[in-house]
Amino acid sequence: MVFLRTKKKNMTEENKRDGWTGRCRSVRMSAVILILIMLTASISTAAADDEETGAAGIRYLEAGTSYTHFTNDLEDGNTQFLSLLFSRERSYQLRVAAERSSRWGDSGFGFGALFTTYFARSWSVGVGASTGSGKFILPDYRIDASIGKAFLPQRNLLASVGFVHEQSKGPNYYDRIAPSLQWWAGSHWIFGGFFNYDIGQPGDTSTKSGGLEVTWFDWQQHFVGLVVELGDVNYTQVGPTDFLVAYKQVSMRVYFTQYFNPTTGMNVRGDWGTSDLYDLYGISVSFFTEW
């Protein structure tokens, strides 16, 4: 575990370099915002296409809140979120989400979108972008991309590889390669596993983590699941210039979904984690409707 506190630069050349970095970051931020606008604008087009063609489309709206308690005198956190998903069977899925988060003396608003398209019966490609305000708890910007394929005659074994680039509000950023596997076993069980390999900057800090998950479900009735993850966290920004780098963490998540009727229901999730810096205990509750 390494705790880094960045220092302000006073040298003229470094100030010039910081100015250039700031301009580059502004260009990248503008590109992310443009991507978000394009992805969001495609919602109305997709909805109109569904109505014209009569294709089977699903709209899913979810709103909720979460609360997290941190030990070691760290300020507790809370988040309120809203997400909207448009999906057409065997064609595409588009999700946009907004949140307001508060944690560790900072607060901010976040917005993101993720578009996934399906083709050749068993392949999928996804691309997404997000950004957030505040001093440090939300990233400056984040880019996601993935490719996946379904195997077996029922196409119930799903393999995917994801890529993430996330830039903090400070100088730190990381790139992630994340393979995963999910198996829908029979009519009531889902088993999965995932692995994350991160390279963080500055310093070429490499970290690995992974986990397993299991879900039991009765379709459109209830879902019960457990996720266990362990490994290293590449970095966490805990202040405007403070970062915790390459520390170990073990976490567990339990989630439950209950349908009230075929189109509405609620999600409840409990989180627990322990690391070199703090322990955490969290709960999240949300309500959803689909049409």
C-alpha atoms as a PDB file:
ATOM      1  CA  MET A   1       0.000   0.000   0.000  1.00  0.00           C
ATOM      2  CA  VAL A   2       1.321   3.402  -0.988  1.00  0.00           C
ATOM      3  CA  PHE A   3      -0.271   6.706  -0.056  1.00  0.00           C
ATOM      4  CA  LEU A   4       0.581   9.520  -2.438  1.00  0.00           C
ATOM      5  CA  ARG A   5       0.038  13.230  -1.971  1.00  0.00           C
ATOM      6  CA  THR A   6       0.708  15.221  -5.106  1.00  0.00           C
ATOM      7  CA  LYS A   7       2.471  18.557  -4.823  1.00  0.00           C
ATOM      8  CA  LYS A   8       1.822  21.775  -6.664  1.00  0.00           C
ATOM      9  CA  LYS A   9       4.411  22.649  -9.288  1.00  0.00           C
ATOM     10  CA  ASN A  10       6.061  26.065  -9.377  1.00  0.00           C
ATOM     11  CA  MET A  11       8.540  25.667 -12.244  1.00  0.00           C
ATOM     12  CA  THR A  12       7.684  27.503 -15.453  1.00  0.00           C
ATOM     13  CA  GLU A  13       8.174  24.485 -17.737  1.00  0.00           C
ATOM     14  CA  GLU A  14       6.037  22.287 -15.520  1.00  0.00           C
ATOM     15  CA  ASN A  15       3.345  24.961 -15.430  1.00  0.00           C
ATOM     16  CA  LYS A  16       3.391  25.062 -19.230  1.00  0.00           C
ATOM     17  CA  ARG A  17       3.133  21.296 -19.321  1.00  0.00           C
ATOM     18  CA  ASP A  18       0.220  21.414 -16.855  1.00  0.00           C
ATOM     19  CA  GLY A  19      -1.488  23.967 -19.086  1.00  0.00           C
ATOM     20  CA  TRP A  20      -1.063  21.696 -22.100  1.00  0.00           C
ATOM     21  CA  THR A  21      -2.381  18.740 -20.098  1.00  0.00           C
ATOM     22  CA  GLY A  22      -5.399  20.809 -19.072  1.00  0.00           C
ATOM     23  CA  ARG A  23      -6.146  21.714 -22.696  1.00  0.00           C
ATOM     24  CA  CYS A  24      -5.836  18.068 -23.739  1.00  0.00           C
ATOM     25  CA  ARG A  25      -8.162  17.055 -20.929  1.00  0.00           C
ATOM     26  CA  SER A  26     -10.693  19.678 -22.061  1.00  0.00           C
ATOM     27  CA  VAL A  27     -10.606  18.196 -25.567  1.00  0.00           C
ATOM     28  CA  ARG A  28     -11.111  14.676 -24.191  1.00  0.00           C
ATOM     29  CA  MET A  29     -13.948  15.883 -21.963  1.00  0.00           C
ATOM     30  CA  SER A  30     -15.616  17.546 -24.959  1.00  0.00           C
ATOM     31  CA  ALA A  31     -15.342  14.277 -26.891  1.00  0.00           C
ATOM     32  CA  VAL A  32     -16.918  12.333 -24.009  1.00  0.00           C
ATOM     33  CA  ILE A  33     -19.787  14.822 -23.731  1.00  0.00           C
ATOM     34  CA  LEU A  34     -20.334  14.603 -27.503  1.00  0.00           C
ATOM     35  CA  ILE A  35     -20.494  10.811 -27.297  1.00  0.00           C
ATOM     36  CA  LEU A  36     -23.011  11.051 -24.464  1.00  0.00           C
ATOM     37  CA  ILE A  37     -25.182  13.445 -26.455  1.00  0.00           C
ATOM     38  CA  MET A  38     -25.089  11.162 -29.501  1.00  0.00           C
ATOM     39  CA  LEU A  39     -25.931   8.063 -27.456  1.00  0.00           C
ATOM     40  CA  THR A  40     -28.763   9.829 -25.636  1.00  0.00           C
ATOM     41  CA  ALA A  41     -30.167  11.307 -28.836  1.00  0.00           C
ATOM     42  CA  SER A  42     -30.358   7.826 -30.344  1.00  0.00           C
ATOM     43  CA  ILE A  43     -33.007   6.881 -27.744  1.00  0.00           C
ATOM     44  CA  SER A  44     -35.749   8.783 -29.536  1.00  0.00           C
ATOM     45  CA  THR A  45     -34.659   7.316 -32.889  1.00  0.00           C
ATOM     46  CA  ALA A  46     -34.655   3.784 -31.494  1.00  0.00           C
ATOM     47  CA  ALA A  47     -38.082   4.269 -29.893  1.00  0.00           C
ATOM     48  CA  ALA A  48     -39.490   5.634 -33.150  1.00  0.00           C
ATOM     49  CA  ASP A  49     -38.058   2.683 -35.099  1.00  0.00           C
ATOM     50  CA  ASP A  50     -39.695   0.239 -32.664  1.00  0.00           C
ATOM     51  CA  GLU A  51     -43.080   1.876 -33.183  1.00  0.00           C
ATOM     52  CA  GLU A  52     -42.733   1.929 -36.979  1.00  0.00           C
ATOM     53  CA  THR A  53     -41.507  -1.646 -37.363  1.00  0.00           C
ATOM     54  CA  GLY A  54     -43.517  -3.179 -34.532  1.00  0.00           C
ATOM     55  CA  ALA A  55     -40.370  -4.805 -33.138  1.00  0.00           C
ATOM     56  CA  ALA A  56     -40.452  -6.198 -29.631  1.00  0.00           C
ATOM     57  CA  GLY A  57     -38.964  -3.423 -27.532  1.00  0.00           C
ATOM     58  CA  ILE A  58     -38.596  -3.004 -23.776  1.00  0.00           C
ATOM     59  CA  ARG A  59     -38.278   0.184 -21.761  1.00  0.00           C
ATOM     60  CA  TYR A  60     -36.946  -0.135 -18.221  1.00  0.00           C
ATOM     61  CA  LEU A  61     -36.929   2.754 -15.727  1.00  0.00           C
ATOM     62  CA  GLU A  62     -35.185   2.469 -12.342  1.00  0.00           C
ATOM     63  CA  ALA A  63     -34.806   4.990  -9.519  1.00  0.00           C
ATOM     64  CA  GLY A  64     -33.141   4.434  -6.183  1.00  0.00           C
ATOM     65  CA  THR A  65     -30.793   5.472  -3.418  1.00  0.00           C
ATOM     66  CA  SER A  66     -27.844   3.972  -1.546  1.00  0.00           C
ATOM     67  CA  TYR A  67     -26.015   4.601   1.714  1.00  0.00           C
ATOM     68  CA  THR A  68     -22.485   3.471   2.651  1.00  0.00           C
ATOM     69  CA  HIS A  69     -20.805   3.608   6.055  1.00  0.00           C
ATOM     70  CA  PHE A  70     -16.996   3.801   6.140  1.00  0.00           C
ATOM     71  CA  THR A  71     -14.802   3.107   9.155  1.00  0.00           C
ATOM     72  CA  ASN A  72     -11.572   4.888  10.191  1.00  0.00           C
ATOM     73  CA  ASP A  73     -13.274   8.280  10.549  1.00  0.00           C
ATOM     74  CA  LEU A  74     -14.074   8.548   6.850  1.00  0.00           C
ATOM     75  CA  GLU A  75     -17.273  10.405   6.055  1.00  0.00           C
ATOM     76  CA  ASP A  76     -20.209   8.203   5.035  1.00  0.00           C
ATOM     77  CA  GLY A  77     -21.529   8.283   1.488  1.00  0.00           C
ATOM     78  CA  ASN A  78     -24.896   8.350  -0.230  1.00  0.00           C
ATOM     79  CA  THR A  79     -26.052   8.230  -3.845  1.00  0.00           C
ATOM     80  CA  GLN A  80     -29.341   8.883  -5.628  1.00  0.00           C
ATOM     81  CA  PHE A  81     -29.644   7.499  -9.142  1.00  0.00           C
ATOM     82  CA  LEU A  82     -31.976   7.252 -12.125  1.00  0.00           C
ATOM     83  CA  SER A  83     -31.515   5.038 -15.188  1.00  0.00           C
ATOM     84  CA  LEU A  84     -33.474   4.390 -18.365  1.00  0.00           C
ATOM     85  CA  LEU A  85     -32.950   1.415 -20.651  1.00  0.00           C
ATOM     86  CA  PHE A  86     -34.224   0.864 -24.192  1.00  0.00           C
ATOM     87  CA  SER A  87     -33.863  -2.618 -25.636  1.00  0.00           C
ATOM     88  CA  ARG A  88     -34.926  -4.421 -28.798  1.00  0.00           C
ATOM     89  CA  GLU A  89     -34.685  -8.218 -28.788  1.00  0.00           C
ATOM     90  CA  ARG A  90     -31.604  -9.549 -30.642  1.00  0.00           C
ATOM     91  CA  SER A  91     -30.843  -6.046 -31.913  1.00  0.00           C
ATOM     92  CA  TYR A  92     -29.587  -3.456 -29.414  1.00  0.00           C
ATOM     93  CA  GLN A  93     -29.627  -2.200 -25.833  1.00  0.00           C
ATOM     94  CA  LEU A  94     -29.184   1.437 -24.828  1.00  0.00           C
ATOM     95  CA  ARG A  95     -28.874   2.579 -21.203  1.00  0.00           C
ATOM     96  CA  VAL A  96     -28.520   6.129 -19.906  1.00  0.00           C
ATOM     97  CA  ALA A  97     -28.026   6.933 -16.220  1.00  0.00           C
ATOM     98  CA  ALA A  98     -27.662   9.958 -13.958  1.00  0.00           C
ATOM     99  CA  GLU A  99     -26.619  10.130 -10.312  1.00  0.00           C
ATOM    100  CA  ARG A 100     -25.865  12.478  -7.476  1.00  0.00           C
ATOM    101  CA  SER A 101     -23.170  11.225  -5.063  1.00  0.00           C
ATOM    102  CA  SER A 102     -21.706  12.496  -1.791  1.00  0.00           C
ATOM    103  CA  ARG A 103     -18.720  10.949  -0.006  1.00  0.00           C
ATOM    104  CA  TRP A 104     -15.600  11.930   1.945  1.00  0.00           C
ATOM    105  CA  GLY A 105     -16.407  15.634   2.011  1.00  0.00           C
ATOM    106  CA  ASP A 106     -17.140  15.919  -1.707  1.00  0.00           C
ATOM    107  CA  SER A 107     -20.281  15.702  -3.841  1.00  0.00           C
ATOM    108  CA  GLY A 108     -21.040  15.715  -7.547  1.00  0.00           C
ATOM    109  CA  PHE A 109     -23.377  14.773 -10.367  1.00  0.00           C
ATOM    110  CA  GLY A 110     -22.610  12.026 -12.866  1.00  0.00           C
ATOM    111  CA  PHE A 111     -24.048  11.124 -16.254  1.00  0.00           C
ATOM    112  CA  GLY A 112     -23.317   8.202 -18.572  1.00  0.00           C
ATOM    113  CA  ALA A 113     -24.578   6.123 -21.470  1.00  0.00           C
ATOM    114  CA  LEU A 114     -23.850   2.619 -22.774  1.00  0.00           C
ATOM    115  CA  PHE A 115     -24.896   1.222 -26.169  1.00  0.00           C
ATOM    116  CA  THR A 116     -24.680  -2.494 -27.034  1.00  0.00           C
ATOM    117  CA  THR A 117     -25.527  -3.980 -30.413  1.00  0.00           C
ATOM    118  CA  TYR A 118     -26.087  -7.659 -31.225  1.00  0.00           C
ATOM    119  CA  PHE A 119     -25.314  -9.269 -34.586  1.00  0.00           C
ATOM    120  CA  ALA A 120     -24.711 -12.627 -36.324  1.00  0.00           C
ATOM    121  CA  ARG A 121     -26.999 -14.294 -33.741  1.00  0.00           C
ATOM    122  CA  SER A 122     -24.284 -14.692 -31.096  1.00  0.00           C
ATOM    123  CA  TRP A 123     -21.983 -11.631 -31.099  1.00  0.00           C
ATOM    124  CA  SER A 124     -22.247  -8.325 -29.240  1.00  0.00           C
ATOM    125  CA  VAL A 125     -20.253  -5.086 -29.175  1.00  0.00           C
ATOM    126  CA  GLY A 126     -20.683  -2.321 -26.605  1.00  0.00           C
ATOM    127  CA  VAL A 127     -19.371   1.221 -26.187  1.00  0.00           C
ATOM    128  CA  GLY A 128     -20.070   3.744 -23.442  1.00  0.00           C
ATOM    129  CA  ALA A 129     -18.900   6.975 -21.858  1.00  0.00           C
ATOM    130  CA  SER A 130     -19.497   8.816 -18.584  1.00  0.00           C
ATOM    131  CA  THR A 131     -18.378  11.955 -16.795  1.00  0.00           C
ATOM    132  CA  GLY A 132     -18.980  13.609 -13.440  1.00  0.00           C
ATOM    133  CA  SER A 133     -18.679  16.870 -11.538  1.00  0.00           C
ATOM    134  CA  GLY A 134     -17.313  17.450  -8.040  1.00  0.00           C
ATOM    135  CA  LYS A 135     -13.746  17.771  -6.803  1.00  0.00           C
ATOM    136  CA  PHE A 136     -12.652  14.122  -6.836  1.00  0.00           C
ATOM    137  CA  ILE A 137     -15.181  11.383  -6.031  1.00  0.00           C
ATOM    138  CA  LEU A 138     -16.450  11.032  -9.623  1.00  0.00           C
ATOM    139  CA  PRO A 139     -14.006  10.504 -12.516  1.00  0.00           C
ATOM    140  CA  ASP A 140     -13.200  13.266 -14.944  1.00  0.00           C
ATOM    141  CA  TYR A 141     -14.294  10.878 -17.674  1.00  0.00           C
ATOM    142  CA  ARG A 142     -14.536   7.165 -18.364  1.00  0.00           C
ATOM    143  CA  ILE A 143     -14.664   5.183 -21.621  1.00  0.00           C
ATOM    144  CA  ASP A 144     -15.987   1.592 -21.795  1.00  0.00           C
ATOM    145  CA  ALA A 145     -15.848  -0.895 -24.675  1.00  0.00           C
ATOM    146  CA  SER A 146     -16.585  -4.610 -24.881  1.00  0.00           C
ATOM    147  CA  ILE A 147     -16.999  -7.536 -27.243  1.00  0.00           C
ATOM    148  CA  GLY A 148     -18.882 -10.716 -26.414  1.00  0.00           C
ATOM    149  CA  LYS A 149     -20.005 -14.020 -27.877  1.00  0.00           C
ATOM    150  CA  ALA A 150     -22.638 -16.573 -26.873  1.00  0.00           C
ATOM    151  CA  PHE A 151     -21.744 -20.268 -27.044  1.00  0.00           C
ATOM    152  CA  LEU A 152     -23.574 -23.638 -26.866  1.00  0.00           C
ATOM    153  CA  PRO A 153     -26.727 -24.510 -28.862  1.00  0.00           C
ATOM    154  CA  GLN A 154     -28.962 -22.504 -26.507  1.00  0.00           C
ATOM    155  CA  ARG A 155     -26.459 -19.598 -26.532  1.00  0.00           C
ATOM    156  CA  ASN A 156     -26.527 -19.661 -22.717  1.00  0.00           C
ATOM    157  CA  LEU A 157     -22.747 -19.497 -22.148  1.00  0.00           C
ATOM    158  CA  LEU A 158     -21.692 -15.861 -22.526  1.00  0.00           C
ATOM    159  CA  ALA A 159     -18.035 -14.841 -22.815  1.00  0.00           C
ATOM    160  CA  SER A 160     -16.889 -11.242 -23.058  1.00  0.00           C
ATOM    161  CA  VAL A 161     -13.814  -9.040 -22.844  1.00  0.00           C
ATOM    162  CA  GLY A 162     -14.123  -5.450 -21.695  1.00  0.00           C
ATOM    163  CA  PHE A 163     -11.815  -2.460 -21.810  1.00  0.00           C
ATOM    164  CA  VAL A 164     -11.991   0.563 -19.480  1.00  0.00           C
ATOM    165  CA  HIS A 165     -10.068   3.826 -19.473  1.00  0.00           C
ATOM    166  CA  GLU A 166     -10.803   6.050 -16.463  1.00  0.00           C
ATOM    167  CA  GLN A 167      -9.251   9.450 -15.765  1.00  0.00           C
ATOM    168  CA  SER A 168      -9.471  10.846 -12.241  1.00  0.00           C
ATOM    169  CA  LYS A 169      -9.811  14.541 -11.450  1.00  0.00           C
ATOM    170  CA  GLY A 170      -6.090  14.441 -10.604  1.00  0.00           C
ATOM    171  CA  PRO A 171      -3.107  13.066 -12.557  1.00  0.00           C
ATOM    172  CA  ASN A 172      -3.970   9.396 -11.958  1.00  0.00           C
ATOM    173  CA  TYR A 173      -5.719   7.192 -14.495  1.00  0.00           C
ATOM    174  CA  TYR A 174      -5.949   3.491 -15.238  1.00  0.00           C
ATOM    175  CA  ASP A 175      -6.603   1.122 -18.151  1.00  0.00           C
ATOM    176  CA  ARG A 176      -8.379  -2.176 -17.534  1.00  0.00           C
ATOM    177  CA  ILE A 177      -8.776  -5.432 -19.431  1.00  0.00           C
ATOM    178  CA  ALA A 178     -11.666  -7.453 -17.998  1.00  0.00           C
ATOM    179  CA  PRO A 179     -12.588 -10.931 -19.331  1.00  0.00           C
ATOM    180  CA  SER A 180     -15.727 -12.543 -17.914  1.00  0.00           C
ATOM    181  CA  LEU A 181     -17.844 -15.673 -18.306  1.00  0.00           C
ATOM    182  CA  GLN A 182     -21.520 -16.241 -17.480  1.00  0.00           C
ATOM    183  CA  TRP A 183     -23.479 -19.506 -17.692  1.00  0.00           C
ATOM    184  CA  TRP A 184     -27.282 -19.659 -17.549  1.00  0.00           C
ATOM    185  CA  ALA A 185     -27.654 -23.177 -16.180  1.00  0.00           C
ATOM    186  CA  GLY A 186     -31.142 -24.560 -16.664  1.00  0.00           C
ATOM    187  CA  SER A 187     -34.154 -22.419 -15.855  1.00  0.00           C
ATOM    188  CA  HIS A 188     -33.219 -21.151 -12.367  1.00  0.00           C
ATOM    189  CA  TRP A 189     -29.455 -20.668 -12.005  1.00  0.00           C
ATOM    190  CA  ILE A 190     -26.775 -18.273 -13.295  1.00  0.00           C
ATOM    191  CA  PHE A 191     -23.067 -18.775 -12.569  1.00  0.00           C
ATOM    192  CA  GLY A 192     -20.322 -16.337 -13.468  1.00  0.00           C
ATOM    193  CA  GLY A 193     -16.727 -15.317 -13.005  1.00  0.00           C
ATOM    194  CA  PHE A 194     -14.652 -12.264 -13.888  1.00  0.00           C
ATOM    195  CA  PHE A 195     -11.072 -11.010 -13.795  1.00  0.00           C
ATOM    196  CA  ASN A 196      -9.656  -7.463 -13.892  1.00  0.00           C
ATOM    197  CA  TYR A 197      -6.132  -6.517 -14.916  1.00  0.00           C
ATOM    198  CA  ASP A 198      -5.402  -2.816 -14.373  1.00  0.00           C
ATOM    199  CA  ILE A 199      -2.416  -0.660 -15.281  1.00  0.00           C
ATOM    200  CA  GLY A 200      -2.420   2.678 -13.474  1.00  0.00           C
ATOM    201  CA  GLN A 201      -0.476   5.864 -14.093  1.00  0.00           C
ATOM    202  CA  PRO A 202       1.738   7.458 -13.109  1.00  0.00           C
ATOM    203  CA  GLY A 203       4.137   4.651 -12.243  1.00  0.00           C
ATOM    204  CA  ASP A 204       2.881   1.730 -14.395  1.00  0.00           C
ATOM    205  CA  THR A 205       1.161   0.259 -11.333  1.00  0.00           C
ATOM    206  CA  SER A 206      -0.316  -3.127 -12.279  1.00  0.00           C
ATOM    207  CA  THR A 207      -3.013  -4.764 -10.135  1.00  0.00           C
ATOM    208  CA  LYS A 208      -5.217  -7.846 -10.456  1.00  0.00           C
ATOM    209  CA  SER A 209      -8.594  -8.740  -8.983  1.00  0.00           C
ATOM    210  CA  GLY A 210     -11.360 -11.203  -9.685  1.00  0.00           C
ATOM    211  CA  GLY A 211     -14.497 -12.789  -8.380  1.00  0.00           C
ATOM    212  CA  LEU A 212     -17.312 -15.311  -8.650  1.00  0.00           C
ATOM    213  CA  GLU A 213     -21.074 -14.848  -8.664  1.00  0.00           C
ATOM    214  CA  VAL A 214     -24.129 -17.058  -8.395  1.00  0.00           C
ATOM    215  CA  THR A 215     -27.819 -16.203  -8.887  1.00  0.00           C
ATOM    216  CA  TRP A 216     -30.990 -18.187  -8.288  1.00  0.00           C
ATOM    217  CA  PHE A 217     -34.119 -16.855  -9.995  1.00  0.00           C
ATOM    218  CA  ASP A 218     -37.723 -17.495 -10.844  1.00  0.00           C
ATOM    219  CA  TRP A 219     -38.292 -15.453 -13.999  1.00  0.00           C
ATOM    220  CA  GLN A 220     -40.295 -12.256 -13.404  1.00  0.00           C
ATOM    221  CA  GLN A 221     -40.841 -13.320  -9.797  1.00  0.00           C
ATOM    222  CA  HIS A 222     -37.608 -12.936  -7.823  1.00  0.00           C
ATOM    223  CA  PHE A 223     -33.823 -13.062  -8.121  1.00  0.00           C
ATOM    224  CA  VAL A 224     -31.333 -13.758  -5.297  1.00  0.00           C
ATOM    225  CA  GLY A 225     -27.593 -13.437  -5.888  1.00  0.00           C
ATOM    226  CA  LEU A 226     -24.143 -13.323  -4.286  1.00  0.00           C
ATOM    227  CA  VAL A 227     -20.906 -11.819  -5.650  1.00  0.00           C
ATOM    228  CA  VAL A 228     -17.516 -12.269  -3.955  1.00  0.00           C
ATOM    229  CA  GLU A 229     -14.468 -10.314  -5.183  1.00  0.00           C
ATOM    230  CA  LEU A 230     -10.879 -10.102  -3.957  1.00  0.00           C
ATOM    231  CA  GLY A 231      -7.582  -8.676  -5.125  1.00  0.00           C
ATOM    232  CA  ASP A 232      -5.908  -5.294  -5.451  1.00  0.00           C
ATOM    233  CA  VAL A 233      -7.422  -1.871  -6.088  1.00  0.00           C
ATOM    234  CA  ASN A 234      -5.292   0.164  -8.494  1.00  0.00           C
ATOM    235  CA  TYR A 235      -6.026   3.484  -6.806  1.00  0.00           C
ATOM    236  CA  THR A 236      -8.729   5.420  -4.985  1.00  0.00           C
ATOM    237  CA  GLN A 237      -8.821   9.206  -4.920  1.00  0.00           C
ATOM    238  CA  VAL A 238      -9.649  10.192  -1.329  1.00  0.00           C
ATOM    239  CA  GLY A 239      -9.032  13.934  -1.623  1.00  0.00           C
ATOM    240  CA  PRO A 240      -8.353  16.640  -4.221  1.00  0.00           C
ATOM    241  CA  THR A 241      -4.648  15.655  -4.296  1.00  0.00           C
ATOM    242  CA  ASP A 242      -4.605  12.426  -2.246  1.00  0.00           C
ATOM    243  CA  PHE A 243      -4.593   8.894  -3.667  1.00  0.00           C
ATOM    244  CA  LEU A 244      -4.425   5.466  -2.094  1.00  0.00           C
ATOM    245  CA  VAL A 245      -2.487   3.273  -4.544  1.00  0.00           C
ATOM    246  CA  ALA A 246      -2.286  -0.523  -4.998  1.00  0.00           C
ATOM    247  CA  TYR A 247      -4.022  -1.792  -1.861  1.00  0.00           C
ATOM    248  CA  LYS A 248      -5.757  -5.085  -1.168  1.00  0.00           C
ATOM    249  CA  GLN A 249      -9.512  -5.396  -0.775  1.00  0.00           C
ATOM    250  CA  VAL A 250     -12.073  -8.145  -0.244  1.00  0.00           C
ATOM    251  CA  SER A 251     -15.733  -7.420  -0.933  1.00  0.00           C
ATOM    252  CA  MET A 252     -19.068  -9.214  -0.983  1.00  0.00           C
ATOM    253  CA  ARG A 253     -22.403  -8.197  -2.477  1.00  0.00           C
ATOM    254  CA  VAL A 254     -25.816  -9.754  -1.838  1.00  0.00           C
ATOM    255  CA  TYR A 255     -28.753  -8.677  -3.990  1.00  0.00           C
ATOM    256  CA  PHE A 256     -32.461  -9.446  -4.158  1.00  0.00           C
ATOM    257  CA  THR A 257     -35.071  -8.554  -6.790  1.00  0.00           C
ATOM    258  CA  GLN A 258     -38.792  -8.924  -6.146  1.00  0.00           C
ATOM    259  CA  TYR A 259     -41.457  -8.392  -8.812  1.00  0.00           C
ATOM    260  CA  PHE A 260     -44.784  -7.031  -7.553  1.00  0.00           C
ATOM    261  CA  ASN A 261     -46.361  -7.846 -10.918  1.00  0.00           C
ATOM    262  CA  PRO A 262     -44.955  -8.687 -14.379  1.00  0.00           C
ATOM    263  CA  THR A 263     -43.831  -5.082 -14.981  1.00  0.00           C
ATOM    264  CA  THR A 264     -42.872  -3.489 -11.635  1.00  0.00           C
ATOM    265  CA  GLY A 265     -40.725  -4.427  -8.671  1.00  0.00           C
ATOM    266  CA  MET A 266     -37.860  -3.491  -6.367  1.00  0.00           C
ATOM    267  CA  ASN A 267     -34.151  -4.240  -5.950  1.00  0.00           C
ATOM    268  CA  VAL A 268     -32.330  -4.469  -2.611  1.00  0.00           C
ATOM    269  CA  ARG A 269     -28.543  -4.824  -2.370  1.00  0.00           C
ATOM    270  CA  GLY A 270     -26.168  -5.147   0.562  1.00  0.00           C
ATOM    271  CA  ASP A 271     -22.422  -4.470   0.308  1.00  0.00           C
ATOM    272  CA  TRP A 272     -19.532  -5.329   2.603  1.00  0.00           C
ATOM    273  CA  GLY A 273     -15.843  -4.725   2.048  1.00  0.00           C
ATOM    274  CA  THR A 274     -12.579  -4.637   3.947  1.00  0.00           C
ATOM    275  CA  SER A 275      -9.275  -3.121   2.819  1.00  0.00           C
ATOM    276  CA  ASP A 276      -6.032  -1.687   4.135  1.00  0.00           C
ATOM    277  CA  LEU A 277      -7.676   1.723   4.379  1.00  0.00           C
ATOM    278  CA  TYR A 278     -11.212   1.133   5.652  1.00  0.00           C
ATOM    279  CA  ASP A 279     -14.118  -1.248   6.020  1.00  0.00           C
ATOM    280  CA  LEU A 280     -17.456  -0.457   4.412  1.00  0.00           C
ATOM    281  CA  TYR A 281     -21.071  -1.477   4.905  1.00  0.00           C
ATOM    282  CA  GLY A 282     -23.649  -0.399   2.357  1.00  0.00           C
ATOM    283  CA  ILE A 283     -27.268  -0.815   1.345  1.00  0.00           C
ATOM    284  CA  SER A 284     -29.067   0.152  -1.843  1.00  0.00           C
ATOM    285  CA  VAL A 285     -32.814   0.188  -2.588  1.00  0.00           C
ATOM    286  CA  SER A 286     -34.437   0.922  -5.941  1.00  0.00           C
ATOM    287  CA  PHE A 287     -37.793   0.563  -7.661  1.00  0.00           C
ATOM    288  CA  PHE A 288     -38.307  -0.222 -11.332  1.00  0.00           C
ATOM    289  CA  THR A 289     -40.972  -0.478 -13.988  1.00  0.00           C
ATOM    290  CA  GLU A 290     -40.816  -1.811 -17.531  1.00  0.00           C
ATOM    291  CA  TRP A 291     -43.148  -1.486 -20.478  1.00  0.00           C
END
